[in-house]
């Protein structure tokens, strides 16, 4: 949990996936 909190605070997931949603154009994707 401490590791997850550190990743969340420094924005790792947002950096990795934030731009992905702009390429999603269907419900399935």
ModelCIF file with pLDDT and N, C-alpha, C, O atoms, coordinates in Angstrom:
data_MODEL
#
_entry.id   MODEL 
#
_entity.id                         1 
_entity.type                       polymer 
_entity.pdbx_number_of_molecules   1 
#
_entity_poly.entity_id                      1 
_entity_poly.type                           'polypeptide(L)' 
_entity_poly.nstd_linkage                   no 
_entity_poly.nstd_monomer                   no 
_entity_poly.pdbx_seq_one_letter_code       
;(UNK)(UNK)(UNK)(UNK)(UNK)(UNK)(UNK)(UNK)(UNK)(UNK)(UNK)(UNK)(UNK)(UNK)(UNK)(UNK)
(UNK)(UNK)(UNK)(UNK)(UNK)(UNK)(UNK)(UNK)(UNK)(UNK)(UNK)(UNK)(UNK)
;
_entity_poly.pdbx_seq_one_letter_code_can   XXXXXXXXXXXXXXXXXXXXXXXXXXXXX 
_entity_poly.pdbx_strand_id                 A 
#
loop_
_entity_poly_seq.entity_id 
_entity_poly_seq.num 
_entity_poly_seq.mon_id 
_entity_poly_seq.hetero 
1 1  UNK n 
1 2  UNK n 
1 3  UNK n 
1 4  UNK n 
1 5  UNK n 
1 6  UNK n 
1 7  UNK n 
1 8  UNK n 
1 9  UNK n 
1 10 UNK n 
1 11 UNK n 
1 12 UNK n 
1 13 UNK n 
1 14 UNK n 
1 15 UNK n 
1 16 UNK n 
1 17 UNK n 
1 18 UNK n 
1 19 UNK n 
1 20 UNK n 
1 21 UNK n 
1 22 UNK n 
1 23 UNK n 
1 24 UNK n 
1 25 UNK n 
1 26 UNK n 
1 27 UNK n 
1 28 UNK n 
1 29 UNK n 
#
_struct_asym.id          A 
_struct_asym.entity_id   1 
#
loop_
_ma_qa_metric.id 
_ma_qa_metric.mode 
_ma_qa_metric.name 
_ma_qa_metric.software_group_id 
_ma_qa_metric.type 
1 global pLDDT . pLDDT 
2 local  pLDDT . pLDDT 
#
_ma_qa_metric_global.metric_id      1 
_ma_qa_metric_global.metric_value   82.55 
_ma_qa_metric_global.model_id       1 
_ma_qa_metric_global.ordinal_id     1 
#
loop_
_ma_qa_metric_local.label_asym_id 
_ma_qa_metric_local.label_comp_id 
_ma_qa_metric_local.label_seq_id 
_ma_qa_metric_local.metric_id 
_ma_qa_metric_local.metric_value 
_ma_qa_metric_local.model_id 
_ma_qa_metric_local.ordinal_id 
A UNK 1  2 75.00 1 1  
A UNK 2  2 84.00 1 2  
A UNK 3  2 83.00 1 3  
A UNK 4  2 77.00 1 4  
A UNK 5  2 82.00 1 5  
A UNK 6  2 87.00 1 6  
A UNK 7  2 82.00 1 7  
A UNK 8  2 80.00 1 8  
A UNK 9  2 87.00 1 9  
A UNK 10 2 86.00 1 10 
A UNK 11 2 83.00 1 11 
A UNK 12 2 82.00 1 12 
A UNK 13 2 76.00 1 13 
A UNK 14 2 79.00 1 14 
A UNK 15 2 84.00 1 15 
A UNK 16 2 80.00 1 16 
A UNK 17 2 78.00 1 17 
A UNK 18 2 73.00 1 18 
A UNK 19 2 76.00 1 19 
A UNK 20 2 77.00 1 20 
A UNK 21 2 77.00 1 21 
A UNK 22 2 79.00 1 22 
A UNK 23 2 84.00 1 23 
A UNK 24 2 86.00 1 24 
A UNK 25 2 87.00 1 25 
A UNK 26 2 91.00 1 26 
A UNK 27 2 93.00 1 27 
A UNK 28 2 93.00 1 28 
A UNK 29 2 93.00 1 29 
#
loop_
_atom_site.group_PDB 
_atom_site.id 
_atom_site.type_symbol 
_atom_site.label_atom_id 
_atom_site.label_alt_id 
_atom_site.label_comp_id 
_atom_site.label_asym_id 
_atom_site.label_entity_id 
_atom_site.label_seq_id 
_atom_site.pdbx_PDB_ins_code 
_atom_site.Cartn_x 
_atom_site.Cartn_y 
_atom_site.Cartn_z 
_atom_site.occupancy 
_atom_site.B_iso_or_equiv 
_atom_site.pdbx_formal_charge 
_atom_site.auth_seq_id 
_atom_site.auth_comp_id 
_atom_site.auth_asym_id 
_atom_site.auth_atom_id 
_atom_site.pdbx_PDB_model_num 
ATOM 1   N N  . UNK A 1 1  ? 0.834   -1.204 0.000   1.00 75.00 ? 1  UNK A N  1 
ATOM 2   C CA . UNK A 1 1  ? 0.000   0.000  0.000   1.00 75.00 ? 1  UNK A CA 1 
ATOM 3   C C  . UNK A 1 1  ? 0.868   1.252  0.000   1.00 75.00 ? 1  UNK A C  1 
ATOM 4   O O  . UNK A 1 1  ? 0.551   2.225  -0.685  1.00 75.00 ? 1  UNK A O  1 
ATOM 5   N N  . UNK A 1 2  ? 1.961   1.236  0.764   1.00 84.00 ? 2  UNK A N  1 
ATOM 6   C CA . UNK A 1 2  ? 2.873   2.386  0.764   1.00 84.00 ? 2  UNK A CA 1 
ATOM 7   C C  . UNK A 1 2  ? 3.463   2.612  -0.625  1.00 84.00 ? 2  UNK A C  1 
ATOM 8   O O  . UNK A 1 2  ? 3.590   3.751  -1.074  1.00 84.00 ? 2  UNK A O  1 
ATOM 9   N N  . UNK A 1 3  ? 3.820   1.531  -1.296  1.00 83.00 ? 3  UNK A N  1 
ATOM 10  C CA . UNK A 1 3  ? 4.347   1.619  -2.660  1.00 83.00 ? 3  UNK A CA 1 
ATOM 11  C C  . UNK A 1 3  ? 3.306   2.196  -3.611  1.00 83.00 ? 3  UNK A C  1 
ATOM 12  O O  . UNK A 1 3  ? 3.614   3.070  -4.420  1.00 83.00 ? 3  UNK A O  1 
ATOM 13  N N  . UNK A 1 4  ? 2.080   1.708  -3.513  1.00 77.00 ? 4  UNK A N  1 
ATOM 14  C CA . UNK A 1 4  ? 1.004   2.243  -4.352  1.00 77.00 ? 4  UNK A CA 1 
ATOM 15  C C  . UNK A 1 4  ? 0.758   3.715  -4.085  1.00 77.00 ? 4  UNK A C  1 
ATOM 16  O O  . UNK A 1 4  ? 0.512   4.486  -5.013  1.00 77.00 ? 4  UNK A O  1 
ATOM 17  N N  . UNK A 1 5  ? 0.825   4.111  -2.807  1.00 82.00 ? 5  UNK A N  1 
ATOM 18  C CA . UNK A 1 5  ? 0.638   5.517  -2.461  1.00 82.00 ? 5  UNK A CA 1 
ATOM 19  C C  . UNK A 1 5  ? 1.730   6.395  -3.042  1.00 82.00 ? 5  UNK A C  1 
ATOM 20  O O  . UNK A 1 5  ? 1.465   7.519  -3.468  1.00 82.00 ? 5  UNK A O  1 
ATOM 21  N N  . UNK A 1 6  ? 2.974   5.882  -3.061  1.00 87.00 ? 6  UNK A N  1 
ATOM 22  C CA . UNK A 1 6  ? 4.079   6.645  -3.645  1.00 87.00 ? 6  UNK A CA 1 
ATOM 23  C C  . UNK A 1 6  ? 3.899   6.804  -5.151  1.00 87.00 ? 6  UNK A C  1 
ATOM 24  O O  . UNK A 1 6  ? 4.128   7.885  -5.694  1.00 87.00 ? 6  UNK A O  1 
ATOM 25  N N  . UNK A 1 7  ? 3.485   5.724  -5.832  1.00 82.00 ? 7  UNK A N  1 
ATOM 26  C CA . UNK A 1 7  ? 3.243   5.818  -7.277  1.00 82.00 ? 7  UNK A CA 1 
ATOM 27  C C  . UNK A 1 7  ? 2.096   6.771  -7.587  1.00 82.00 ? 7  UNK A C  1 
ATOM 28  O O  . UNK A 1 7  ? 2.152   7.541  -8.546  1.00 82.00 ? 7  UNK A O  1 
ATOM 29  N N  . UNK A 1 8  ? 1.058   6.707  -6.763  1.00 80.00 ? 8  UNK A N  1 
ATOM 30  C CA . UNK A 1 8  ? -0.095  7.578  -6.982  1.00 80.00 ? 8  UNK A CA 1 
ATOM 31  C C  . UNK A 1 8  ? 0.297   9.038  -6.792  1.00 80.00 ? 8  UNK A C  1 
ATOM 32  O O  . UNK A 1 8  ? -0.092  9.892  -7.588  1.00 80.00 ? 8  UNK A O  1 
ATOM 33  N N  . UNK A 1 9  ? 1.066   9.330  -5.740  1.00 87.00 ? 9  UNK A N  1 
ATOM 34  C CA . UNK A 1 9  ? 1.420   10.715 -5.447  1.00 87.00 ? 9  UNK A CA 1 
ATOM 35  C C  . UNK A 1 9  ? 2.311   11.321 -6.529  1.00 87.00 ? 9  UNK A C  1 
ATOM 36  O O  . UNK A 1 9  ? 2.156   12.501 -6.845  1.00 87.00 ? 9  UNK A O  1 
ATOM 37  N N  . UNK A 1 10 ? 3.233   10.559 -7.107  1.00 86.00 ? 10 UNK A N  1 
ATOM 38  C CA . UNK A 1 10 ? 4.110   11.145 -8.120  1.00 86.00 ? 10 UNK A CA 1 
ATOM 39  C C  . UNK A 1 10 ? 3.510   11.094 -9.529  1.00 86.00 ? 10 UNK A C  1 
ATOM 40  O O  . UNK A 1 10 ? 4.139   11.544 -10.486 1.00 86.00 ? 10 UNK A O  1 
ATOM 41  N N  . UNK A 1 11 ? 2.278   10.539 -9.660  1.00 83.00 ? 11 UNK A N  1 
ATOM 42  C CA . UNK A 1 11 ? 1.541   10.631 -10.915 1.00 83.00 ? 11 UNK A CA 1 
ATOM 43  C C  . UNK A 1 11 ? 1.955   9.638  -11.982 1.00 83.00 ? 11 UNK A C  1 
ATOM 44  O O  . UNK A 1 11 ? 1.839   9.926  -13.174 1.00 83.00 ? 11 UNK A O  1 
ATOM 45  N N  . UNK A 1 12 ? 2.443   8.462  -11.569 1.00 82.00 ? 12 UNK A N  1 
ATOM 46  C CA . UNK A 1 12 ? 2.929   7.490  -12.554 1.00 82.00 ? 12 UNK A CA 1 
ATOM 47  C C  . UNK A 1 12 ? 1.819   6.992  -13.479 1.00 82.00 ? 12 UNK A C  1 
ATOM 48  O O  . UNK A 1 12 ? 2.006   6.919  -14.693 1.00 82.00 ? 12 UNK A O  1 
ATOM 49  N N  . UNK A 1 13 ? 0.663   6.650  -12.903 1.00 76.00 ? 13 UNK A N  1 
ATOM 50  C CA . UNK A 1 13 ? -0.418  6.103  -13.725 1.00 76.00 ? 13 UNK A CA 1 
ATOM 51  C C  . UNK A 1 13 ? -0.957  7.154  -14.686 1.00 76.00 ? 13 UNK A C  1 
ATOM 52  O O  . UNK A 1 13 ? -1.234  6.861  -15.849 1.00 76.00 ? 13 UNK A O  1 
ATOM 53  N N  . UNK A 1 14 ? -1.103  8.373  -14.195 1.00 79.00 ? 14 UNK A N  1 
ATOM 54  C CA . UNK A 1 14 ? -1.594  9.443  -15.068 1.00 79.00 ? 14 UNK A CA 1 
ATOM 55  C C  . UNK A 1 14 ? -0.620  9.687  -16.221 1.00 79.00 ? 14 UNK A C  1 
ATOM 56  O O  . UNK A 1 14 ? -1.034  9.943  -17.352 1.00 79.00 ? 14 UNK A O  1 
ATOM 57  N N  . UNK A 1 15 ? 0.669   9.606  -15.923 1.00 84.00 ? 15 UNK A N  1 
ATOM 58  C CA . UNK A 1 15 ? 1.672   9.811  -16.971 1.00 84.00 ? 15 UNK A CA 1 
ATOM 59  C C  . UNK A 1 15 ? 1.637   8.694  -18.005 1.00 84.00 ? 15 UNK A C  1 
ATOM 60  O O  . UNK A 1 15 ? 1.849   8.934  -19.193 1.00 84.00 ? 15 UNK A O  1 
ATOM 61  N N  . UNK A 1 16 ? 1.369   7.465  -17.549 1.00 80.00 ? 16 UNK A N  1 
ATOM 62  C CA . UNK A 1 16 ? 1.382   6.323  -18.457 1.00 80.00 ? 16 UNK A CA 1 
ATOM 63  C C  . UNK A 1 16 ? 0.092   6.186  -19.262 1.00 80.00 ? 16 UNK A C  1 
ATOM 64  O O  . UNK A 1 16 ? 0.123   5.746  -20.411 1.00 80.00 ? 16 UNK A O  1 
ATOM 65  N N  . UNK A 1 17 ? -1.051  6.563  -18.662 1.00 78.00 ? 17 UNK A N  1 
ATOM 66  C CA . UNK A 1 17 ? -2.340  6.298  -19.292 1.00 78.00 ? 17 UNK A CA 1 
ATOM 67  C C  . UNK A 1 17 ? -3.144  7.554  -19.647 1.00 78.00 ? 17 UNK A C  1 
ATOM 68  O O  . UNK A 1 17 ? -4.166  7.468  -20.328 1.00 78.00 ? 17 UNK A O  1 
ATOM 69  N N  . UNK A 1 18 ? -2.671  8.738  -19.176 1.00 73.00 ? 18 UNK A N  1 
ATOM 70  C CA . UNK A 1 18 ? -3.460  9.954  -19.362 1.00 73.00 ? 18 UNK A CA 1 
ATOM 71  C C  . UNK A 1 18 ? -3.764  10.274 -20.814 1.00 73.00 ? 18 UNK A C  1 
ATOM 72  O O  . UNK A 1 18 ? -4.857  10.748 -21.127 1.00 73.00 ? 18 UNK A O  1 
ATOM 73  N N  . UNK A 1 19 ? -2.801  10.020 -21.715 1.00 76.00 ? 19 UNK A N  1 
ATOM 74  C CA . UNK A 1 19 ? -2.996  10.341 -23.127 1.00 76.00 ? 19 UNK A CA 1 
ATOM 75  C C  . UNK A 1 19 ? -3.765  9.260  -23.879 1.00 76.00 ? 19 UNK A C  1 
ATOM 76  O O  . UNK A 1 19 ? -4.260  9.491  -24.982 1.00 76.00 ? 19 UNK A O  1 
ATOM 77  N N  . UNK A 1 20 ? -3.859  8.082  -23.274 1.00 77.00 ? 20 UNK A N  1 
ATOM 78  C CA . UNK A 1 20 ? -4.513  6.970  -23.946 1.00 77.00 ? 20 UNK A CA 1 
ATOM 79  C C  . UNK A 1 20 ? -5.979  7.254  -24.238 1.00 77.00 ? 20 UNK A C  1 
ATOM 80  O O  . UNK A 1 20 ? -6.491  6.885  -25.295 1.00 77.00 ? 20 UNK A O  1 
ATOM 81  N N  . UNK A 1 21 ? -6.655  7.914  -23.295 1.00 77.00 ? 21 UNK A N  1 
ATOM 82  C CA . UNK A 1 21 ? -8.104  8.073  -23.446 1.00 77.00 ? 21 UNK A CA 1 
ATOM 83  C C  . UNK A 1 21 ? -8.487  8.936  -24.649 1.00 77.00 ? 21 UNK A C  1 
ATOM 84  O O  . UNK A 1 21 ? -9.620  8.862  -25.125 1.00 77.00 ? 21 UNK A O  1 
ATOM 85  N N  . UNK A 1 22 ? -7.562  9.747  -25.138 1.00 79.00 ? 22 UNK A N  1 
ATOM 86  C CA . UNK A 1 22 ? -7.858  10.574 -26.316 1.00 79.00 ? 22 UNK A CA 1 
ATOM 87  C C  . UNK A 1 22 ? -7.919  9.734  -27.598 1.00 79.00 ? 22 UNK A C  1 
ATOM 88  O O  . UNK A 1 22 ? -8.368  10.209 -28.641 1.00 79.00 ? 22 UNK A O  1 
ATOM 89  N N  . UNK A 1 23 ? -7.462  8.485  -27.503 1.00 84.00 ? 23 UNK A N  1 
ATOM 90  C CA . UNK A 1 23 ? -7.481  7.596  -28.663 1.00 84.00 ? 23 UNK A CA 1 
ATOM 91  C C  . UNK A 1 23 ? -8.600  6.556  -28.564 1.00 84.00 ? 23 UNK A C  1 
ATOM 92  O O  . UNK A 1 23 ? -8.661  5.628  -29.371 1.00 84.00 ? 23 UNK A O  1 
ATOM 93  N N  . UNK A 1 24 ? -9.484  6.712  -27.576 1.00 86.00 ? 24 UNK A N  1 
ATOM 94  C CA . UNK A 1 24 ? -10.589 5.772  -27.391 1.00 86.00 ? 24 UNK A CA 1 
ATOM 95  C C  . UNK A 1 24 ? -11.844 6.349  -28.048 1.00 86.00 ? 24 UNK A C  1 
ATOM 96  O O  . UNK A 1 24 ? -12.319 7.417  -27.662 1.00 86.00 ? 24 UNK A O  1 
ATOM 97  N N  . UNK A 1 25 ? -12.375 5.637  -29.040 1.00 87.00 ? 25 UNK A N  1 
ATOM 98  C CA . UNK A 1 25 ? -13.501 6.173  -29.795 1.00 87.00 ? 25 UNK A CA 1 
ATOM 99  C C  . UNK A 1 25 ? -14.696 5.216  -29.855 1.00 87.00 ? 25 UNK A C  1 
ATOM 100 O O  . UNK A 1 25 ? -15.653 5.473  -30.586 1.00 87.00 ? 25 UNK A O  1 
ATOM 101 N N  . UNK A 1 26 ? -14.654 4.128  -29.104 1.00 91.00 ? 26 UNK A N  1 
ATOM 102 C CA . UNK A 1 26 ? -15.779 3.201  -29.075 1.00 91.00 ? 26 UNK A CA 1 
ATOM 103 C C  . UNK A 1 26 ? -15.968 2.701  -27.651 1.00 91.00 ? 26 UNK A C  1 
ATOM 104 O O  . UNK A 1 26 ? -15.052 2.758  -26.831 1.00 91.00 ? 26 UNK A O  1 
ATOM 105 N N  . UNK A 1 27 ? -17.168 2.210  -27.372 1.00 93.00 ? 27 UNK A N  1 
ATOM 106 C CA . UNK A 1 27 ? -17.461 1.687  -26.037 1.00 93.00 ? 27 UNK A CA 1 
ATOM 107 C C  . UNK A 1 27 ? -16.540 0.504  -25.729 1.00 93.00 ? 27 UNK A C  1 
ATOM 108 O O  . UNK A 1 27 ? -16.025 0.384  -24.617 1.00 93.00 ? 27 UNK A O  1 
ATOM 109 N N  . UNK A 1 28 ? -16.341 -0.357 -26.709 1.00 93.00 ? 28 UNK A N  1 
ATOM 110 C CA . UNK A 1 28 ? -15.494 -1.517 -26.486 1.00 93.00 ? 28 UNK A CA 1 
ATOM 111 C C  . UNK A 1 28 ? -14.070 -1.151 -26.116 1.00 93.00 ? 28 UNK A C  1 
ATOM 112 O O  . UNK A 1 28 ? -13.493 -1.737 -25.200 1.00 93.00 ? 28 UNK A O  1 
ATOM 113 N N  . UNK A 1 29 ? -13.501 -0.186 -26.821 1.00 93.00 ? 29 UNK A N  1 
ATOM 114 C CA . UNK A 1 29 ? -12.120 0.221  -26.524 1.00 93.00 ? 29 UNK A CA 1 
ATOM 115 C C  . UNK A 1 29 ? -12.032 0.900  -25.154 1.00 93.00 ? 29 UNK A C  1 
ATOM 116 O O  . UNK A 1 29 ? -10.949 1.308  -24.736 1.00 93.00 ? 29 UNK A O  1 
#
